[in-house]
């Protein structure tokens, strides 16, 4: 069972969602020291990530981002902060992309 489960629906389509997922992955690697791996599928991509105390998966489709994060014992104390940051960052990225796609 994941410690953090987060789903964010969107209407961006798979190509734009892939771009955003790659941006998120690069940003997460740089800011949080995550080691990330991206596997592209026909209609859904999988991003796996890890660092000491954190492992997780993000499924990227044409209509949602589904994130599952497992926290190590020492990281569980930071769960509320991590959840808030994940929610804020994904919502911001999608909002920015949605706004720019409507311009």
PDB file of N, CA and C in Angstrom:
ATOM      1  N   UNK A   1       0.840  -1.189   0.000  1.00  0.00           N
ATOM      2  CA  UNK A   1       0.000   0.000   0.000  1.00  0.00           C
ATOM      3  C   UNK A   1       0.880   1.246   0.000  1.00  0.00           C
ATOM      4  N   UNK A   2       0.564   2.167  -0.855  1.00  0.00           N
ATOM      5  CA  UNK A   2       1.326   3.402  -0.959  1.00  0.00           C
ATOM      6  C   UNK A   2       1.028   4.326   0.217  1.00  0.00           C
ATOM      7  N   UNK A   3       2.030   5.111   0.598  1.00  0.00           N
ATOM      8  CA  UNK A   3       1.843   6.117   1.632  1.00  0.00           C
ATOM      9  C   UNK A   3       1.134   7.344   1.086  1.00  0.00           C
ATOM     10  N   UNK A   4       1.410   7.651  -0.176  1.00  0.00           N
ATOM     11  CA  UNK A   4       0.781   8.793  -0.829  1.00  0.00           C
ATOM     12  C   UNK A   4       0.240   8.321  -2.171  1.00  0.00           C
ATOM     13  N   UNK A   5      -1.039   8.569  -2.385  1.00  0.00           N
ATOM     14  CA  UNK A   5      -1.670   8.289  -3.670  1.00  0.00           C
ATOM     15  C   UNK A   5      -2.308   9.585  -4.129  1.00  0.00           C
ATOM     16  N   UNK A   6      -2.011   9.969  -5.349  1.00  0.00           N
ATOM     17  CA  UNK A   6      -2.526  11.230  -5.856  1.00  0.00           C
ATOM     18  C   UNK A   6      -2.900  11.041  -7.314  1.00  0.00           C
ATOM     19  N   UNK A   7      -4.067  11.540  -7.676  1.00  0.00           N
ATOM     20  CA  UNK A   7      -4.500  11.485  -9.065  1.00  0.00           C
ATOM     21  C   UNK A   7      -4.926  12.876  -9.489  1.00  0.00           C
ATOM     22  N   UNK A   8      -4.455  13.290 -10.654  1.00  0.00           N
ATOM     23  CA  UNK A   8      -4.823  14.591 -11.204  1.00  0.00           C
ATOM     24  C   UNK A   8      -5.335  14.381 -12.620  1.00  0.00           C
ATOM     25  N   UNK A   9      -6.617  14.654 -12.821  1.00  0.00           N
ATOM     26  CA  UNK A   9      -7.209  14.532 -14.150  1.00  0.00           C
ATOM     27  C   UNK A   9      -6.807  15.739 -14.995  1.00  0.00           C
ATOM     28  N   UNK A  10      -6.798  15.549 -16.302  1.00  0.00           N
ATOM     29  CA  UNK A  10      -6.498  16.635 -17.227  1.00  0.00           C
ATOM     30  C   UNK A  10      -7.112  16.321 -18.580  1.00  0.00           C
ATOM     31  N   UNK A  11      -7.065  17.295 -19.461  1.00  0.00           N
ATOM     32  CA  UNK A  11      -7.600  17.131 -20.819  1.00  0.00           C
ATOM     33  C   UNK A  11      -6.538  17.480 -21.854  1.00  0.00           C
ATOM     34  N   UNK A  12      -5.286  17.203 -21.547  1.00  0.00           N
ATOM     35  CA  UNK A  12      -4.166  17.618 -22.386  1.00  0.00           C
ATOM     36  C   UNK A  12      -3.827  16.648 -23.511  1.00  0.00           C
ATOM     37  N   UNK A  13      -4.256  15.407 -23.403  1.00  0.00           N
ATOM     38  CA  UNK A  13      -3.860  14.400 -24.375  1.00  0.00           C
ATOM     39  C   UNK A  13      -2.511  13.809 -24.019  1.00  0.00           C
ATOM     40  N   UNK A  14      -2.196  12.672 -24.592  1.00  0.00           N
ATOM     41  CA  UNK A  14      -0.995  11.928 -24.203  1.00  0.00           C
ATOM     42  C   UNK A  14       0.302  12.646 -24.590  1.00  0.00           C
ATOM     43  N   UNK A  15       0.354  13.278 -25.757  1.00  0.00           N
ATOM     44  CA  UNK A  15       1.606  13.923 -26.173  1.00  0.00           C
ATOM     45  C   UNK A  15       1.991  15.062 -25.235  1.00  0.00           C
ATOM     46  N   UNK A  16       1.044  15.925 -24.915  1.00  0.00           N
ATOM     47  CA  UNK A  16       1.329  17.052 -24.006  1.00  0.00           C
ATOM     48  C   UNK A  16       1.577  16.526 -22.591  1.00  0.00           C
ATOM     49  N   UNK A  17       0.844  15.493 -22.178  1.00  0.00           N
ATOM     50  CA  UNK A  17       1.051  14.905 -20.844  1.00  0.00           C
ATOM     51  C   UNK A  17       2.461  14.331 -20.730  1.00  0.00           C
ATOM     52  N   UNK A  18       2.948  13.718 -21.791  1.00  0.00           N
ATOM     53  CA  UNK A  18       4.324  13.191 -21.799  1.00  0.00           C
ATOM     54  C   UNK A  18       5.350  14.308 -21.608  1.00  0.00           C
ATOM     55  N   UNK A  19       5.133  15.405 -22.315  1.00  0.00           N
ATOM     56  CA  UNK A  19       6.045  16.546 -22.176  1.00  0.00           C
ATOM     57  C   UNK A  19       6.072  17.039 -20.732  1.00  0.00           C
ATOM     58  N   UNK A  20       4.892  17.172 -20.143  1.00  0.00           N
ATOM     59  CA  UNK A  20       4.808  17.651 -18.764  1.00  0.00           C
ATOM     60  C   UNK A  20       5.428  16.657 -17.792  1.00  0.00           C
ATOM     61  N   UNK A  21       5.220  15.385 -18.044  1.00  0.00           N
ATOM     62  CA  UNK A  21       5.796  14.362 -17.165  1.00  0.00           C
ATOM     63  C   UNK A  21       7.322  14.410 -17.225  1.00  0.00           C
ATOM     64  N   UNK A  22       7.867  14.622 -18.404  1.00  0.00           N
ATOM     65  CA  UNK A  22       9.327  14.743 -18.524  1.00  0.00           C
ATOM     66  C   UNK A  22       9.835  15.981 -17.790  1.00  0.00           C
ATOM     67  N   UNK A  23       9.095  17.081 -17.900  1.00  0.00           N
ATOM     68  CA  UNK A  23       9.462  18.294 -17.157  1.00  0.00           C
ATOM     69  C   UNK A  23       9.437  18.024 -15.659  1.00  0.00           C
ATOM     70  N   UNK A  24       8.363  17.368 -15.193  1.00  0.00           N
ATOM     71  CA  UNK A  24       8.248  17.031 -13.769  1.00  0.00           C
ATOM     72  C   UNK A  24       9.416  16.143 -13.339  1.00  0.00           C
ATOM     73  N   UNK A  25       9.734  15.161 -14.163  1.00  0.00           N
ATOM     74  CA  UNK A  25      10.804  14.223 -13.855  1.00  0.00           C
ATOM     75  C   UNK A  25      12.146  14.948 -13.750  1.00  0.00           C
ATOM     76  N   UNK A  26      12.444  15.818 -14.693  1.00  0.00           N
ATOM     77  CA  UNK A  26      13.697  16.574 -14.654  1.00  0.00           C
ATOM     78  C   UNK A  26      13.758  17.482 -13.437  1.00  0.00           C
ATOM     79  N   UNK A  27      12.647  18.134 -13.133  1.00  0.00           N
ATOM     80  CA  UNK A  27      12.577  19.028 -11.980  1.00  0.00           C
ATOM     81  C   UNK A  27      12.731  18.248 -10.679  1.00  0.00           C
ATOM     82  N   UNK A  28      12.070  17.100 -10.576  1.00  0.00           N
ATOM     83  CA  UNK A  28      12.156  16.270  -9.369  1.00  0.00           C
ATOM     84  C   UNK A  28      13.573  15.746  -9.170  1.00  0.00           C
ATOM     85  N   UNK A  29      14.223  15.377 -10.248  1.00  0.00           N
ATOM     86  CA  UNK A  29      15.598  14.892 -10.148  1.00  0.00           C
ATOM     87  C   UNK A  29      16.516  16.000  -9.646  1.00  0.00           C
ATOM     88  N   UNK A  30      16.326  17.193 -10.177  1.00  0.00           N
ATOM     89  CA  UNK A  30      17.176  18.319  -9.812  1.00  0.00           C
ATOM     90  C   UNK A  30      16.889  18.810  -8.385  1.00  0.00           C
ATOM     91  N   UNK A  31      15.624  19.003  -8.056  1.00  0.00           N
ATOM     92  CA  UNK A  31      15.270  19.602  -6.764  1.00  0.00           C
ATOM     93  C   UNK A  31      15.273  18.622  -5.596  1.00  0.00           C
ATOM     94  N   UNK A  32      14.883  17.370  -5.872  1.00  0.00           N
ATOM     95  CA  UNK A  32      14.726  16.410  -4.776  1.00  0.00           C
ATOM     96  C   UNK A  32      15.734  15.272  -4.811  1.00  0.00           C
ATOM     97  N   UNK A  33      16.609  15.283  -5.793  1.00  0.00           N
ATOM     98  CA  UNK A  33      17.615  14.246  -5.874  1.00  0.00           C
ATOM     99  C   UNK A  33      17.063  12.874  -6.225  1.00  0.00           C
ATOM    100  N   UNK A  34      15.941  12.855  -6.940  1.00  0.00           N
ATOM    101  CA  UNK A  34      15.349  11.578  -7.338  1.00  0.00           C
ATOM    102  C   UNK A  34      16.061  11.017  -8.557  1.00  0.00           C
ATOM    103  N   UNK A  35      16.228   9.726  -8.563  1.00  0.00           N
ATOM    104  CA  UNK A  35      16.714   9.009  -9.729  1.00  0.00           C
ATOM    105  C   UNK A  35      15.469   8.517 -10.460  1.00  0.00           C
ATOM    106  N   UNK A  36      15.268   8.970 -11.675  1.00  0.00           N
ATOM    107  CA  UNK A  36      14.024   8.696 -12.404  1.00  0.00           C
ATOM    108  C   UNK A  36      14.276   7.891 -13.671  1.00  0.00           C
ATOM    109  N   UNK A  37      13.293   7.084 -14.029  1.00  0.00           N
ATOM    110  CA  UNK A  37      13.337   6.296 -15.257  1.00  0.00           C
ATOM    111  C   UNK A  37      11.984   6.439 -15.950  1.00  0.00           C
ATOM    112  N   UNK A  38      12.005   6.716 -17.254  1.00  0.00           N
ATOM    113  CA  UNK A  38      10.782   6.920 -18.028  1.00  0.00           C
ATOM    114  C   UNK A  38      10.633   5.808 -19.047  1.00  0.00           C
ATOM    115  N   UNK A  39       9.485   5.145 -19.023  1.00  0.00           N
ATOM    116  CA  UNK A  39       9.175   4.110 -20.014  1.00  0.00           C
ATOM    117  C   UNK A  39       7.930   4.528 -20.768  1.00  0.00           C
ATOM    118  N   UNK A  40       8.072   4.696 -22.077  1.00  0.00           N
ATOM    119  CA  UNK A  40       6.956   5.135 -22.898  1.00  0.00           C
ATOM    120  C   UNK A  40       6.178   3.943 -23.422  1.00  0.00           C
ATOM    121  N   UNK A  41       4.859   4.017 -23.310  1.00  0.00           N
ATOM    122  CA  UNK A  41       3.972   2.997 -23.848  1.00  0.00           C
ATOM    123  C   UNK A  41       3.126   3.582 -24.959  1.00  0.00           C
ATOM    124  N   UNK A  42       2.308   2.769 -25.560  1.00  0.00           N
ATOM    125  CA  UNK A  42       1.464   3.232 -26.671  1.00  0.00           C
ATOM    126  C   UNK A  42       0.481   4.306 -26.218  1.00  0.00           C
ATOM    127  N   UNK A  43      -0.198   4.071 -25.107  1.00  0.00           N
ATOM    128  CA  UNK A  43      -1.177   5.048 -24.629  1.00  0.00           C
ATOM    129  C   UNK A  43      -0.999   5.402 -23.156  1.00  0.00           C
ATOM    130  N   UNK A  44       0.080   4.910 -22.532  1.00  0.00           N
ATOM    131  CA  UNK A  44       0.360   5.247 -21.139  1.00  0.00           C
ATOM    132  C   UNK A  44       1.849   5.082 -20.873  1.00  0.00           C
ATOM    133  N   UNK A  45       2.424   6.055 -20.196  1.00  0.00           N
ATOM    134  CA  UNK A  45       3.831   6.007 -19.827  1.00  0.00           C
ATOM    135  C   UNK A  45       3.956   5.731 -18.335  1.00  0.00           C
ATOM    136  N   UNK A  46       5.106   5.208 -17.950  1.00  0.00           N
ATOM    137  CA  UNK A  46       5.393   4.946 -16.550  1.00  0.00           C
ATOM    138  C   UNK A  46       6.711   5.614 -16.186  1.00  0.00           C
ATOM    139  N   UNK A  47       6.656   6.411 -15.142  1.00  0.00           N
ATOM    140  CA  UNK A  47       7.868   7.008 -14.589  1.00  0.00           C
ATOM    141  C   UNK A  47       8.073   6.381 -13.218  1.00  0.00           C
ATOM    142  N   UNK A  48       9.236   5.799 -13.013  1.00  0.00           N
ATOM    143  CA  UNK A  48       9.594   5.288 -11.696  1.00  0.00           C
ATOM    144  C   UNK A  48      10.683   6.185 -11.138  1.00  0.00           C
ATOM    145  N   UNK A  49      10.646   6.369  -9.820  1.00  0.00           N
ATOM    146  CA  UNK A  49      11.634   7.238  -9.197  1.00  0.00           C
ATOM    147  C   UNK A  49      11.987   6.716  -7.816  1.00  0.00           C
ATOM    148  N   UNK A  50      13.191   7.094  -7.380  1.00  0.00           N
ATOM    149  CA  UNK A  50      13.643   6.667  -6.065  1.00  0.00           C
ATOM    150  C   UNK A  50      14.783   7.537  -5.568  1.00  0.00           C
ATOM    151  N   UNK A  51      14.923   7.534  -4.293  1.00  0.00           N
ATOM    152  CA  UNK A  51      16.063   8.085  -3.580  1.00  0.00           C
ATOM    153  C   UNK A  51      15.987   7.477  -2.190  1.00  0.00           C
ATOM    154  N   UNK A  52      16.970   7.680  -1.383  1.00  0.00           N
ATOM    155  CA  UNK A  52      16.942   7.073  -0.063  1.00  0.00           C
ATOM    156  C   UNK A  52      15.675   7.516   0.677  1.00  0.00           C
ATOM    157  N   UNK A  53      14.869   6.549   1.055  1.00  0.00           N
ATOM    158  CA  UNK A  53      13.652   6.820   1.808  1.00  0.00           C
ATOM    159  C   UNK A  53      12.408   7.072   0.991  1.00  0.00           C
ATOM    160  N   UNK A  54      12.520   7.090  -0.336  1.00  0.00           N
ATOM    161  CA  UNK A  54      11.366   7.373  -1.191  1.00  0.00           C
ATOM    162  C   UNK A  54      11.447   6.520  -2.456  1.00  0.00           C
ATOM    163  N   UNK A  55      10.359   5.850  -2.792  1.00  0.00           N
ATOM    164  CA  UNK A  55      10.221   5.182  -4.087  1.00  0.00           C
ATOM    165  C   UNK A  55       8.821   5.466  -4.599  1.00  0.00           C
ATOM    166  N   UNK A  56       8.657   5.452  -5.901  1.00  0.00           N
ATOM    167  CA  UNK A  56       7.320   5.704  -6.409  1.00  0.00           C
ATOM    168  C   UNK A  56       7.197   5.497  -7.895  1.00  0.00           C
ATOM    169  N   UNK A  57       5.959   5.640  -8.335  1.00  0.00           N
ATOM    170  CA  UNK A  57       5.597   5.464  -9.734  1.00  0.00           C
ATOM    171  C   UNK A  57       4.578   6.526 -10.123  1.00  0.00           C
ATOM    172  N   UNK A  58       4.741   7.085 -11.305  1.00  0.00           N
ATOM    173  CA  UNK A  58       3.725   7.959 -11.876  1.00  0.00           C
ATOM    174  C   UNK A  58       3.285   7.350 -13.201  1.00  0.00           C
ATOM    175  N   UNK A  59       1.993   7.119 -13.330  1.00  0.00           N
ATOM    176  CA  UNK A  59       1.414   6.659 -14.594  1.00  0.00           C
ATOM    177  C   UNK A  59       0.866   7.880 -15.310  1.00  0.00           C
ATOM    178  N   UNK A  60       1.238   8.034 -16.557  1.00  0.00           N
ATOM    179  CA  UNK A  60       0.865   9.203 -17.344  1.00  0.00           C
ATOM    180  C   UNK A  60       0.000   8.736 -18.511  1.00  0.00           C
ATOM    181  N   UNK A  61      -1.218   9.258 -18.575  1.00  0.00           N
ATOM    182  CA  UNK A  61      -2.098   8.912 -19.693  1.00  0.00           C
ATOM    183  C   UNK A  61      -2.618  10.196 -20.331  1.00  0.00           C
ATOM    184  N   UNK A  62      -3.423  10.050 -21.327  1.00  0.00           N
ATOM    185  CA  UNK A  62      -3.981  11.202 -22.020  1.00  0.00           C
ATOM    186  C   UNK A  62      -4.986  11.983 -21.215  1.00  0.00           C
ATOM    187  N   UNK A  63      -5.403  11.429 -20.069  1.00  0.00           N
ATOM    188  CA  UNK A  63      -6.393  12.143 -19.260  1.00  0.00           C
ATOM    189  C   UNK A  63      -6.106  12.185 -17.759  1.00  0.00           C
ATOM    190  N   UNK A  64      -4.967  11.631 -17.315  1.00  0.00           N
ATOM    191  CA  UNK A  64      -4.649  11.731 -15.885  1.00  0.00           C
ATOM    192  C   UNK A  64      -3.188  11.426 -15.595  1.00  0.00           C
ATOM    193  N   UNK A  65      -2.772  11.926 -14.444  1.00  0.00           N
ATOM    194  CA  UNK A  65      -1.495  11.569 -13.838  1.00  0.00           C
ATOM    195  C   UNK A  65      -1.847  10.821 -12.559  1.00  0.00           C
ATOM    196  N   UNK A  66      -1.329   9.618 -12.381  1.00  0.00           N
ATOM    197  CA  UNK A  66      -1.581   8.813 -11.190  1.00  0.00           C
ATOM    198  C   UNK A  66      -0.246   8.559 -10.500  1.00  0.00           C
ATOM    199  N   UNK A  67      -0.133   9.050  -9.275  1.00  0.00           N
ATOM    200  CA  UNK A  67       1.117   8.996  -8.547  1.00  0.00           C
ATOM    201  C   UNK A  67       0.960   8.143  -7.299  1.00  0.00           C
ATOM    202  N   UNK A  68       1.887   7.212  -7.108  1.00  0.00           N
ATOM    203  CA  UNK A  68       1.956   6.382  -5.902  1.00  0.00           C
ATOM    204  C   UNK A  68       3.358   6.522  -5.330  1.00  0.00           C
ATOM    205  N   UNK A  69       3.432   6.891  -4.047  1.00  0.00           N
ATOM    206  CA  UNK A  69       4.719   7.105  -3.402  1.00  0.00           C
ATOM    207  C   UNK A  69       4.796   6.270  -2.135  1.00  0.00           C
ATOM    208  N   UNK A  70       5.897   5.567  -1.967  1.00  0.00           N
ATOM    209  CA  UNK A  70       6.173   4.815  -0.749  1.00  0.00           C
ATOM    210  C   UNK A  70       7.284   5.537   0.004  1.00  0.00           C
ATOM    211  N   UNK A  71       7.040   5.790   1.281  1.00  0.00           N
ATOM    212  CA  UNK A  71       7.998   6.508   2.110  1.00  0.00           C
ATOM    213  C   UNK A  71       8.660   5.567   3.094  1.00  0.00           C
ATOM    214  N   UNK A  72       9.959   5.735   3.266  1.00  0.00           N
ATOM    215  CA  UNK A  72      10.688   4.990   4.279  1.00  0.00           C
ATOM    216  C   UNK A  72      10.328   5.526   5.656  1.00  0.00           C
ATOM    217  N   UNK A  73      10.733   4.817   6.665  1.00  0.00           N
ATOM    218  CA  UNK A  73      10.378   5.167   8.045  1.00  0.00           C
ATOM    219  C   UNK A  73      10.718   6.608   8.392  1.00  0.00           C
ATOM    220  N   UNK A  74      11.905   7.058   8.046  1.00  0.00           N
ATOM    221  CA  UNK A  74      12.321   8.420   8.392  1.00  0.00           C
ATOM    222  C   UNK A  74      11.547   9.480   7.609  1.00  0.00           C
ATOM    223  N   UNK A  75      11.081   9.148   6.425  1.00  0.00           N
ATOM    224  CA  UNK A  75      10.366  10.117   5.588  1.00  0.00           C
ATOM    225  C   UNK A  75       8.882  10.217   5.925  1.00  0.00           C
ATOM    226  N   UNK A  76       8.339   9.242   6.639  1.00  0.00           N
ATOM    227  CA  UNK A  76       6.912   9.255   6.968  1.00  0.00           C
ATOM    228  C   UNK A  76       6.530  10.503   7.762  1.00  0.00           C
ATOM    229  N   UNK A  77       7.447  11.040   8.543  1.00  0.00           N
ATOM    230  CA  UNK A  77       7.168  12.252   9.315  1.00  0.00           C
ATOM    231  C   UNK A  77       6.895  13.451   8.404  1.00  0.00           C
ATOM    232  N   UNK A  78       7.398  13.402   7.177  1.00  0.00           N
ATOM    233  CA  UNK A  78       7.235  14.502   6.233  1.00  0.00           C
ATOM    234  C   UNK A  78       6.072  14.295   5.265  1.00  0.00           C
ATOM    235  N   UNK A  79       5.261  13.266   5.491  1.00  0.00           N
ATOM    236  CA  UNK A  79       4.180  12.923   4.577  1.00  0.00           C
ATOM    237  C   UNK A  79       3.253  14.103   4.262  1.00  0.00           C
ATOM    238  N   UNK A  80       2.740  14.854   5.258  1.00  0.00           N
ATOM    239  CA  UNK A  80       1.850  15.974   4.917  1.00  0.00           C
ATOM    240  C   UNK A  80       2.515  17.024   4.021  1.00  0.00           C
ATOM    241  N   UNK A  81       3.766  17.311   4.279  1.00  0.00           N
ATOM    242  CA  UNK A  81       4.489  18.289   3.480  1.00  0.00           C
ATOM    243  C   UNK A  81       4.702  17.769   2.052  1.00  0.00           C
ATOM    244  N   UNK A  82       5.047  16.496   1.928  1.00  0.00           N
ATOM    245  CA  UNK A  82       5.269  15.893   0.606  1.00  0.00           C
ATOM    246  C   UNK A  82       3.965  15.870  -0.182  1.00  0.00           C
ATOM    247  N   UNK A  83       2.869  15.471   0.456  1.00  0.00           N
ATOM    248  CA  UNK A  83       1.565  15.447  -0.225  1.00  0.00           C
ATOM    249  C   UNK A  83       1.180  16.832  -0.735  1.00  0.00           C
ATOM    250  N   UNK A  84       1.351  17.842   0.098  1.00  0.00           N
ATOM    251  CA  UNK A  84       0.999  19.211  -0.293  1.00  0.00           C
ATOM    252  C   UNK A  84       1.854  19.681  -1.464  1.00  0.00           C
ATOM    253  N   UNK A  85       3.128  19.374  -1.427  1.00  0.00           N
ATOM    254  CA  UNK A  85       4.041  19.797  -2.491  1.00  0.00           C
ATOM    255  C   UNK A  85       3.712  19.101  -3.811  1.00  0.00           C
ATOM    256  N   UNK A  86       3.431  17.804  -3.757  1.00  0.00           N
ATOM    257  CA  UNK A  86       3.069  17.048  -4.960  1.00  0.00           C
ATOM    258  C   UNK A  86       1.800  17.629  -5.580  1.00  0.00           C
ATOM    259  N   UNK A  87       0.794  17.825  -4.756  1.00  0.00           N
ATOM    260  CA  UNK A  87      -0.478  18.364  -5.232  1.00  0.00           C
ATOM    261  C   UNK A  87      -0.290  19.736  -5.873  1.00  0.00           C
ATOM    262  N   UNK A  88       0.428  20.605  -5.202  1.00  0.00           N
ATOM    263  CA  UNK A  88       0.659  21.960  -5.695  1.00  0.00           C
ATOM    264  C   UNK A  88       1.430  21.945  -7.015  1.00  0.00           C
ATOM    265  N   UNK A  89       2.484  21.153  -7.088  1.00  0.00           N
ATOM    266  CA  UNK A  89       3.320  21.135  -8.288  1.00  0.00           C
ATOM    267  C   UNK A  89       2.595  20.568  -9.503  1.00  0.00           C
ATOM    268  N   UNK A  90       1.906  19.446  -9.339  1.00  0.00           N
ATOM    269  CA  UNK A  90       1.196  18.865 -10.488  1.00  0.00           C
ATOM    270  C   UNK A  90       0.066  19.777 -10.950  1.00  0.00           C
ATOM    271  N   UNK A  91      -0.688  20.339 -10.014  1.00  0.00           N
ATOM    272  CA  UNK A  91      -1.781  21.237 -10.394  1.00  0.00           C
ATOM    273  C   UNK A  91      -1.238  22.461 -11.126  1.00  0.00           C
ATOM    274  N   UNK A  92      -0.108  23.007 -10.668  1.00  0.00           N
ATOM    275  CA  UNK A  92       0.493  24.181 -11.293  1.00  0.00           C
ATOM    276  C   UNK A  92       0.953  23.861 -12.718  1.00  0.00           C
ATOM    277  N   UNK A  93       1.594  22.727 -12.896  1.00  0.00           N
ATOM    278  CA  UNK A  93       2.085  22.328 -14.217  1.00  0.00           C
ATOM    279  C   UNK A  93       0.920  22.152 -15.192  1.00  0.00           C
ATOM    280  N   UNK A  94      -0.135  21.490 -14.752  1.00  0.00           N
ATOM    281  CA  UNK A  94      -1.287  21.241 -15.627  1.00  0.00           C
ATOM    282  C   UNK A  94      -2.007  22.548 -15.945  1.00  0.00           C
ATOM    283  N   UNK A  95      -2.166  23.392 -14.936  1.00  0.00           N
ATOM    284  CA  UNK A  95      -2.828  24.676 -15.161  1.00  0.00           C
ATOM    285  C   UNK A  95      -2.054  25.516 -16.176  1.00  0.00           C
ATOM    286  N   UNK A  96      -0.752  25.554 -16.020  1.00  0.00           N
ATOM    287  CA  UNK A  96       0.101  26.309 -16.939  1.00  0.00           C
ATOM    288  C   UNK A  96      -0.032  25.752 -18.358  1.00  0.00           C
ATOM    289  N   UNK A  97       0.002  24.430 -18.486  1.00  0.00           N
ATOM    290  CA  UNK A  97      -0.113  23.808 -19.813  1.00  0.00           C
ATOM    291  C   UNK A  97      -1.496  24.027 -20.415  1.00  0.00           C
ATOM    292  N   UNK A  98      -2.516  23.947 -19.604  1.00  0.00           N
ATOM    293  CA  UNK A  98      -3.882  24.154 -20.102  1.00  0.00           C
ATOM    294  C   UNK A  98      -4.072  25.576 -20.569  1.00  0.00           C
ATOM    295  N   UNK A  99      -3.537  26.522 -19.816  1.00  0.00           N
ATOM    296  CA  UNK A  99      -3.633  27.923 -20.192  1.00  0.00           C
ATOM    297  C   UNK A  99      -2.903  28.224 -21.481  1.00  0.00           C
ATOM    298  N   UNK A 100      -1.706  27.633 -21.620  1.00  0.00           N
ATOM    299  CA  UNK A 100      -0.920  27.896 -22.828  1.00  0.00           C
ATOM    300  C   UNK A 100      -1.500  27.193 -24.034  1.00  0.00           C
ATOM    301  N   UNK A 101      -2.225  26.068 -23.820  1.00  0.00           N
ATOM    302  CA  UNK A 101      -2.806  25.378 -24.972  1.00  0.00           C
ATOM    303  C   UNK A 101      -4.077  26.069 -25.470  1.00  0.00           C
ATOM    304  N   UNK A 102      -4.683  26.922 -24.620  1.00  0.00           N
ATOM    305  CA  UNK A 102      -5.892  27.625 -25.023  1.00  0.00           C
ATOM    306  C   UNK A 102      -5.574  28.981 -25.610  1.00  0.00           C
ATOM    307  N   UNK A 103      -4.348  29.414 -25.529  1.00  0.00           N
ATOM    308  CA  UNK A 103      -3.974  30.752 -26.018  1.00  0.00           C
ATOM    309  C   UNK A 103      -3.931  30.815 -27.512  1.00  0.00           C
TER     310      UNK A 103
END
